């Protein structure tokens, strides 16, 4: 199973393409709902790290309550 830590790993966030996010979401979509120890969701890390807008949109669509 895909770990929430993968979505928040520093090397993963910076230039991740939306097709990579789509694959990860197809494997474990529920991980977008898991907050880390700071209460952050993967969408928070995507926004904070300046991820592509398509990545942020994919995460928001996977978990609309995170908007």
PDB file of N, CA and C in Angstrom:
ATOM      1  N   UNK A   1       0.833  -1.186   0.000  1.00  0.00           N
ATOM      2  CA  UNK A   1       0.000   0.000   0.000  1.00  0.00           C
ATOM      3  C   UNK A   1       0.881   1.253   0.000  1.00  0.00           C
ATOM      4  N   UNK A   2       0.401   2.272  -0.655  1.00  0.00           N
ATOM      5  CA  UNK A   2       1.138   3.533  -0.745  1.00  0.00           C
ATOM      6  C   UNK A   2       1.020   4.273   0.578  1.00  0.00           C
ATOM      7  N   UNK A   3       2.126   4.704   1.098  1.00  0.00           N
ATOM      8  CA  UNK A   3       2.155   5.424   2.364  1.00  0.00           C
ATOM      9  C   UNK A   3       1.874   6.903   2.157  1.00  0.00           C
ATOM     10  N   UNK A   4       1.207   7.518   3.131  1.00  0.00           N
ATOM     11  CA  UNK A   4       0.986   8.962   3.102  1.00  0.00           C
ATOM     12  C   UNK A   4       2.317   9.690   3.052  1.00  0.00           C
ATOM     13  N   UNK A   5       3.335   9.105   3.626  1.00  0.00           N
ATOM     14  CA  UNK A   5       4.659   9.733   3.639  1.00  0.00           C
ATOM     15  C   UNK A   5       5.185   9.959   2.227  1.00  0.00           C
ATOM     16  N   UNK A   6       4.790   9.128   1.288  1.00  0.00           N
ATOM     17  CA  UNK A   6       5.237   9.311  -0.087  1.00  0.00           C
ATOM     18  C   UNK A   6       4.755  10.635  -0.646  1.00  0.00           C
ATOM     19  N   UNK A   7       3.507  10.996  -0.380  1.00  0.00           N
ATOM     20  CA  UNK A   7       2.966  12.252  -0.877  1.00  0.00           C
ATOM     21  C   UNK A   7       3.656  13.462  -0.258  1.00  0.00           C
ATOM     22  N   UNK A   8       4.198  13.326   0.923  1.00  0.00           N
ATOM     23  CA  UNK A   8       4.801  14.471   1.592  1.00  0.00           C
ATOM     24  C   UNK A   8       6.332  14.438   1.597  1.00  0.00           C
ATOM     25  N   UNK A   9       6.936  13.446   0.953  1.00  0.00           N
ATOM     26  CA  UNK A   9       8.385  13.359   0.907  1.00  0.00           C
ATOM     27  C   UNK A   9       8.948  14.545   0.119  1.00  0.00           C
ATOM     28  N   UNK A  10       9.979  15.231   0.628  1.00  0.00           N
ATOM     29  CA  UNK A  10      10.508  16.440  -0.031  1.00  0.00           C
ATOM     30  C   UNK A  10      10.907  16.246  -1.495  1.00  0.00           C
ATOM     31  N   UNK A  11      11.490  15.134  -1.836  1.00  0.00           N
ATOM     32  CA  UNK A  11      11.897  14.903  -3.220  1.00  0.00           C
ATOM     33  C   UNK A  11      10.722  14.605  -4.137  1.00  0.00           C
ATOM     34  N   UNK A  12       9.612  14.209  -3.565  1.00  0.00           N
ATOM     35  CA  UNK A  12       8.438  13.864  -4.352  1.00  0.00           C
ATOM     36  C   UNK A  12       7.641  15.097  -4.742  1.00  0.00           C
ATOM     37  N   UNK A  13       7.612  16.088  -3.913  1.00  0.00           N
ATOM     38  CA  UNK A  13       6.706  17.218  -4.069  1.00  0.00           C
ATOM     39  C   UNK A  13       7.078  18.202  -5.160  1.00  0.00           C
ATOM     40  N   UNK A  14       8.329  18.467  -5.352  1.00  0.00           N
ATOM     41  CA  UNK A  14       8.723  19.640  -6.114  1.00  0.00           C
ATOM     42  C   UNK A  14       8.290  19.637  -7.577  1.00  0.00           C
ATOM     43  N   UNK A  15       8.607  18.617  -8.319  1.00  0.00           N
ATOM     44  CA  UNK A  15       8.296  18.604  -9.742  1.00  0.00           C
ATOM     45  C   UNK A  15       7.450  17.405 -10.149  1.00  0.00           C
ATOM     46  N   UNK A  16       6.642  16.918  -9.249  1.00  0.00           N
ATOM     47  CA  UNK A  16       5.821  15.753  -9.549  1.00  0.00           C
ATOM     48  C   UNK A  16       4.792  16.099 -10.609  1.00  0.00           C
ATOM     49  N   UNK A  17       4.690  15.255 -11.600  1.00  0.00           N
ATOM     50  CA  UNK A  17       3.741  15.451 -12.688  1.00  0.00           C
ATOM     51  C   UNK A  17       2.398  14.831 -12.329  1.00  0.00           C
ATOM     52  N   UNK A  18       1.346  15.359 -12.930  1.00  0.00           N
ATOM     53  CA  UNK A  18       0.002  14.905 -12.606  1.00  0.00           C
ATOM     54  C   UNK A  18      -0.204  13.429 -12.959  1.00  0.00           C
ATOM     55  N   UNK A  19       0.475  12.913 -13.978  1.00  0.00           N
ATOM     56  CA  UNK A  19       0.303  11.500 -14.311  1.00  0.00           C
ATOM     57  C   UNK A  19       0.827  10.588 -13.209  1.00  0.00           C
ATOM     58  N   UNK A  20       1.867  11.017 -12.513  1.00  0.00           N
ATOM     59  CA  UNK A  20       2.378  10.253 -11.373  1.00  0.00           C
ATOM     60  C   UNK A  20       1.355  10.280 -10.238  1.00  0.00           C
ATOM     61  N   UNK A  21       0.785  11.448  -9.970  1.00  0.00           N
ATOM     62  CA  UNK A  21      -0.251  11.569  -8.936  1.00  0.00           C
ATOM     63  C   UNK A  21      -1.448  10.698  -9.289  1.00  0.00           C
ATOM     64  N   UNK A  22      -1.855  10.710 -10.558  1.00  0.00           N
ATOM     65  CA  UNK A  22      -2.993   9.892 -10.974  1.00  0.00           C
ATOM     66  C   UNK A  22      -2.757   8.407 -10.726  1.00  0.00           C
ATOM     67  N   UNK A  23      -1.548   7.941 -10.994  1.00  0.00           N
ATOM     68  CA  UNK A  23      -1.221   6.531 -10.740  1.00  0.00           C
ATOM     69  C   UNK A  23      -1.294   6.238  -9.247  1.00  0.00           C
ATOM     70  N   UNK A  24      -0.689   7.095  -8.436  1.00  0.00           N
ATOM     71  CA  UNK A  24      -0.717   6.876  -6.989  1.00  0.00           C
ATOM     72  C   UNK A  24      -2.148   6.907  -6.451  1.00  0.00           C
ATOM     73  N   UNK A  25      -2.947   7.824  -6.960  1.00  0.00           N
ATOM     74  CA  UNK A  25      -4.338   7.901  -6.512  1.00  0.00           C
ATOM     75  C   UNK A  25      -5.128   6.669  -6.939  1.00  0.00           C
ATOM     76  N   UNK A  26      -4.803   6.103  -8.094  1.00  0.00           N
ATOM     77  CA  UNK A  26      -5.507   4.893  -8.533  1.00  0.00           C
ATOM     78  C   UNK A  26      -5.160   3.695  -7.657  1.00  0.00           C
ATOM     79  N   UNK A  27      -3.985   3.738  -7.039  1.00  0.00           N
ATOM     80  CA  UNK A  27      -3.556   2.644  -6.164  1.00  0.00           C
ATOM     81  C   UNK A  27      -4.117   2.813  -4.752  1.00  0.00           C
ATOM     82  N   UNK A  28      -4.112   4.041  -4.244  1.00  0.00           N
ATOM     83  CA  UNK A  28      -4.494   4.273  -2.843  1.00  0.00           C
ATOM     84  C   UNK A  28      -5.110   5.661  -2.666  1.00  0.00           C
ATOM     85  N   UNK A  29      -6.294   5.848  -3.227  1.00  0.00           N
ATOM     86  CA  UNK A  29      -6.948   7.157  -3.181  1.00  0.00           C
ATOM     87  C   UNK A  29      -7.227   7.624  -1.752  1.00  0.00           C
ATOM     88  N   UNK A  30      -7.424   6.706  -0.829  1.00  0.00           N
ATOM     89  CA  UNK A  30      -7.758   7.093   0.546  1.00  0.00           C
ATOM     90  C   UNK A  30      -6.629   7.826   1.260  1.00  0.00           C
ATOM     91  N   UNK A  31      -5.402   7.728   0.753  1.00  0.00           N
ATOM     92  CA  UNK A  31      -4.291   8.392   1.425  1.00  0.00           C
ATOM     93  C   UNK A  31      -4.395   9.913   1.378  1.00  0.00           C
ATOM     94  N   UNK A  32      -5.169  10.476   0.454  1.00  0.00           N
ATOM     95  CA  UNK A  32      -5.320  11.932   0.404  1.00  0.00           C
ATOM     96  C   UNK A  32      -6.120  12.447   1.587  1.00  0.00           C
ATOM     97  N   UNK A  33      -6.764  11.545   2.316  1.00  0.00           N
ATOM     98  CA  UNK A  33      -7.572  11.914   3.472  1.00  0.00           C
ATOM     99  C   UNK A  33      -6.827  11.776   4.790  1.00  0.00           C
ATOM    100  N   UNK A  34      -5.609  11.296   4.751  1.00  0.00           N
ATOM    101  CA  UNK A  34      -4.852  11.017   5.971  1.00  0.00           C
ATOM    102  C   UNK A  34      -3.988  12.203   6.351  1.00  0.00           C
ATOM    103  N   UNK A  35      -4.306  12.867   7.453  1.00  0.00           N
ATOM    104  CA  UNK A  35      -3.437  13.954   7.901  1.00  0.00           C
ATOM    105  C   UNK A  35      -2.160  13.394   8.529  1.00  0.00           C
ATOM    106  N   UNK A  36      -1.096  14.181   8.439  1.00  0.00           N
ATOM    107  CA  UNK A  36       0.133  13.780   9.102  1.00  0.00           C
ATOM    108  C   UNK A  36       0.106  14.273  10.549  1.00  0.00           C
ATOM    109  N   UNK A  37       1.224  14.206  11.225  1.00  0.00           N
ATOM    110  CA  UNK A  37       1.261  14.583  12.639  1.00  0.00           C
ATOM    111  C   UNK A  37       1.048  16.081  12.859  1.00  0.00           C
ATOM    112  N   UNK A  38       1.131  16.878  11.794  1.00  0.00           N
ATOM    113  CA  UNK A  38       0.879  18.316  11.886  1.00  0.00           C
ATOM    114  C   UNK A  38      -0.539  18.674  11.444  1.00  0.00           C
ATOM    115  N   UNK A  39      -1.299  17.661  11.039  1.00  0.00           N
ATOM    116  CA  UNK A  39      -2.657  17.887  10.558  1.00  0.00           C
ATOM    117  C   UNK A  39      -2.721  18.231   9.079  1.00  0.00           C
ATOM    118  N   UNK A  40      -1.600  18.143   8.394  1.00  0.00           N
ATOM    119  CA  UNK A  40      -1.550  18.473   6.969  1.00  0.00           C
ATOM    120  C   UNK A  40      -1.934  17.272   6.113  1.00  0.00           C
ATOM    121  N   UNK A  41      -2.651  17.568   5.037  1.00  0.00           N
ATOM    122  CA  UNK A  41      -3.007  16.577   4.028  1.00  0.00           C
ATOM    123  C   UNK A  41      -2.040  16.726   2.850  1.00  0.00           C
ATOM    124  N   UNK A  42      -2.001  15.751   1.946  1.00  0.00           N
ATOM    125  CA  UNK A  42      -1.135  15.890   0.772  1.00  0.00           C
ATOM    126  C   UNK A  42      -1.380  17.183  -0.020  1.00  0.00           C
ATOM    127  N   UNK A  43      -2.619  17.645  -0.087  1.00  0.00           N
ATOM    128  CA  UNK A  43      -2.900  18.884  -0.821  1.00  0.00           C
ATOM    129  C   UNK A  43      -2.221  20.086  -0.164  1.00  0.00           C
ATOM    130  N   UNK A  44      -2.087  20.068   1.157  1.00  0.00           N
ATOM    131  CA  UNK A  44      -1.399  21.163   1.845  1.00  0.00           C
ATOM    132  C   UNK A  44       0.073  21.215   1.426  1.00  0.00           C
ATOM    133  N   UNK A  45       0.705  20.037   1.356  1.00  0.00           N
ATOM    134  CA  UNK A  45       2.104  19.983   0.931  1.00  0.00           C
ATOM    135  C   UNK A  45       2.242  20.399  -0.529  1.00  0.00           C
ATOM    136  N   UNK A  46       1.296  19.992  -1.353  1.00  0.00           N
ATOM    137  CA  UNK A  46       1.351  20.379  -2.763  1.00  0.00           C
ATOM    138  C   UNK A  46       1.272  21.894  -2.910  1.00  0.00           C
ATOM    139  N   UNK A  47       0.366  22.516  -2.183  1.00  0.00           N
ATOM    140  CA  UNK A  47       0.224  23.978  -2.245  1.00  0.00           C
ATOM    141  C   UNK A  47       1.459  24.676  -1.677  1.00  0.00           C
ATOM    142  N   UNK A  48       1.933  24.209  -0.543  1.00  0.00           N
ATOM    143  CA  UNK A  48       3.066  24.853   0.124  1.00  0.00           C
ATOM    144  C   UNK A  48       4.367  24.733  -0.674  1.00  0.00           C
ATOM    145  N   UNK A  49       4.480  23.682  -1.457  1.00  0.00           N
ATOM    146  CA  UNK A  49       5.723  23.468  -2.199  1.00  0.00           C
ATOM    147  C   UNK A  49       5.663  24.022  -3.618  1.00  0.00           C
ATOM    148  N   UNK A  50       4.553  24.621  -3.984  1.00  0.00           N
ATOM    149  CA  UNK A  50       4.445  25.200  -5.318  1.00  0.00           C
ATOM    150  C   UNK A  50       4.257  24.181  -6.419  1.00  0.00           C
ATOM    151  N   UNK A  51       3.568  23.098  -6.110  1.00  0.00           N
ATOM    152  CA  UNK A  51       3.321  22.072  -7.118  1.00  0.00           C
ATOM    153  C   UNK A  51       2.493  22.626  -8.272  1.00  0.00           C
ATOM    154  N   UNK A  52       2.559  21.926  -9.381  1.00  0.00           N
ATOM    155  CA  UNK A  52       1.783  22.302 -10.557  1.00  0.00           C
ATOM    156  C   UNK A  52       0.296  22.362 -10.215  1.00  0.00           C
ATOM    157  N   UNK A  53      -0.412  23.263 -10.838  1.00  0.00           N
ATOM    158  CA  UNK A  53      -1.851  23.410 -10.561  1.00  0.00           C
ATOM    159  C   UNK A  53      -2.623  22.136 -10.887  1.00  0.00           C
ATOM    160  N   UNK A  54      -2.157  21.368 -11.868  1.00  0.00           N
ATOM    161  CA  UNK A  54      -2.831  20.113 -12.212  1.00  0.00           C
ATOM    162  C   UNK A  54      -2.716  19.092 -11.077  1.00  0.00           C
ATOM    163  N   UNK A  55      -1.593  19.112 -10.379  1.00  0.00           N
ATOM    164  CA  UNK A  55      -1.398  18.214  -9.239  1.00  0.00           C
ATOM    165  C   UNK A  55      -2.357  18.598  -8.116  1.00  0.00           C
ATOM    166  N   UNK A  56      -2.441  19.885  -7.834  1.00  0.00           N
ATOM    167  CA  UNK A  56      -3.341  20.364  -6.783  1.00  0.00           C
ATOM    168  C   UNK A  56      -4.785  20.049  -7.141  1.00  0.00           C
ATOM    169  N   UNK A  57      -5.139  20.250  -8.387  1.00  0.00           N
ATOM    170  CA  UNK A  57      -6.509  19.946  -8.841  1.00  0.00           C
ATOM    171  C   UNK A  57      -6.818  18.460  -8.684  1.00  0.00           C
ATOM    172  N   UNK A  58      -5.880  17.588  -9.049  1.00  0.00           N
ATOM    173  CA  UNK A  58      -6.091  16.136  -8.922  1.00  0.00           C
ATOM    174  C   UNK A  58      -6.301  15.745  -7.458  1.00  0.00           C
ATOM    175  N   UNK A  59      -5.513  16.321  -6.566  1.00  0.00           N
ATOM    176  CA  UNK A  59      -5.676  16.025  -5.143  1.00  0.00           C
ATOM    177  C   UNK A  59      -7.007  16.558  -4.610  1.00  0.00           C
ATOM    178  N   UNK A  60      -7.403  17.740  -5.054  1.00  0.00           N
ATOM    179  CA  UNK A  60      -8.685  18.324  -4.617  1.00  0.00           C
ATOM    180  C   UNK A  60      -9.859  17.512  -5.130  1.00  0.00           C
ATOM    181  N   UNK A  61      -9.759  17.020  -6.356  1.00  0.00           N
ATOM    182  CA  UNK A  61     -10.829  16.199  -6.912  1.00  0.00           C
ATOM    183  C   UNK A  61     -10.925  14.848  -6.202  1.00  0.00           C
ATOM    184  N   UNK A  62      -9.784  14.329  -5.760  1.00  0.00           N
ATOM    185  CA  UNK A  62      -9.778  13.043  -5.054  1.00  0.00           C
ATOM    186  C   UNK A  62     -10.362  13.174  -3.644  1.00  0.00           C
ATOM    187  N   UNK A  63     -10.275  14.368  -3.075  1.00  0.00           N
ATOM    188  CA  UNK A  63     -10.798  14.592  -1.727  1.00  0.00           C
ATOM    189  C   UNK A  63     -11.349  16.026  -1.659  1.00  0.00           C
ATOM    190  N   UNK A  64     -12.554  16.239  -2.194  1.00  0.00           N
ATOM    191  CA  UNK A  64     -13.144  17.581  -2.253  1.00  0.00           C
ATOM    192  C   UNK A  64     -13.243  18.294  -0.903  1.00  0.00           C
ATOM    193  N   UNK A  65     -13.381  17.549   0.176  1.00  0.00           N
ATOM    194  CA  UNK A  65     -13.487  18.157   1.499  1.00  0.00           C
ATOM    195  C   UNK A  65     -12.189  18.847   1.917  1.00  0.00           C
ATOM    196  N   UNK A  66     -11.101  18.617   1.199  1.00  0.00           N
ATOM    197  CA  UNK A  66      -9.828  19.225   1.551  1.00  0.00           C
ATOM    198  C   UNK A  66      -9.703  20.645   1.047  1.00  0.00           C
ATOM    199  N   UNK A  67     -10.619  21.086   0.214  1.00  0.00           N
ATOM    200  CA  UNK A  67     -10.538  22.461  -0.341  1.00  0.00           C
ATOM    201  C   UNK A  67     -10.833  23.502   0.687  1.00  0.00           C
TER     202      UNK A  67
END
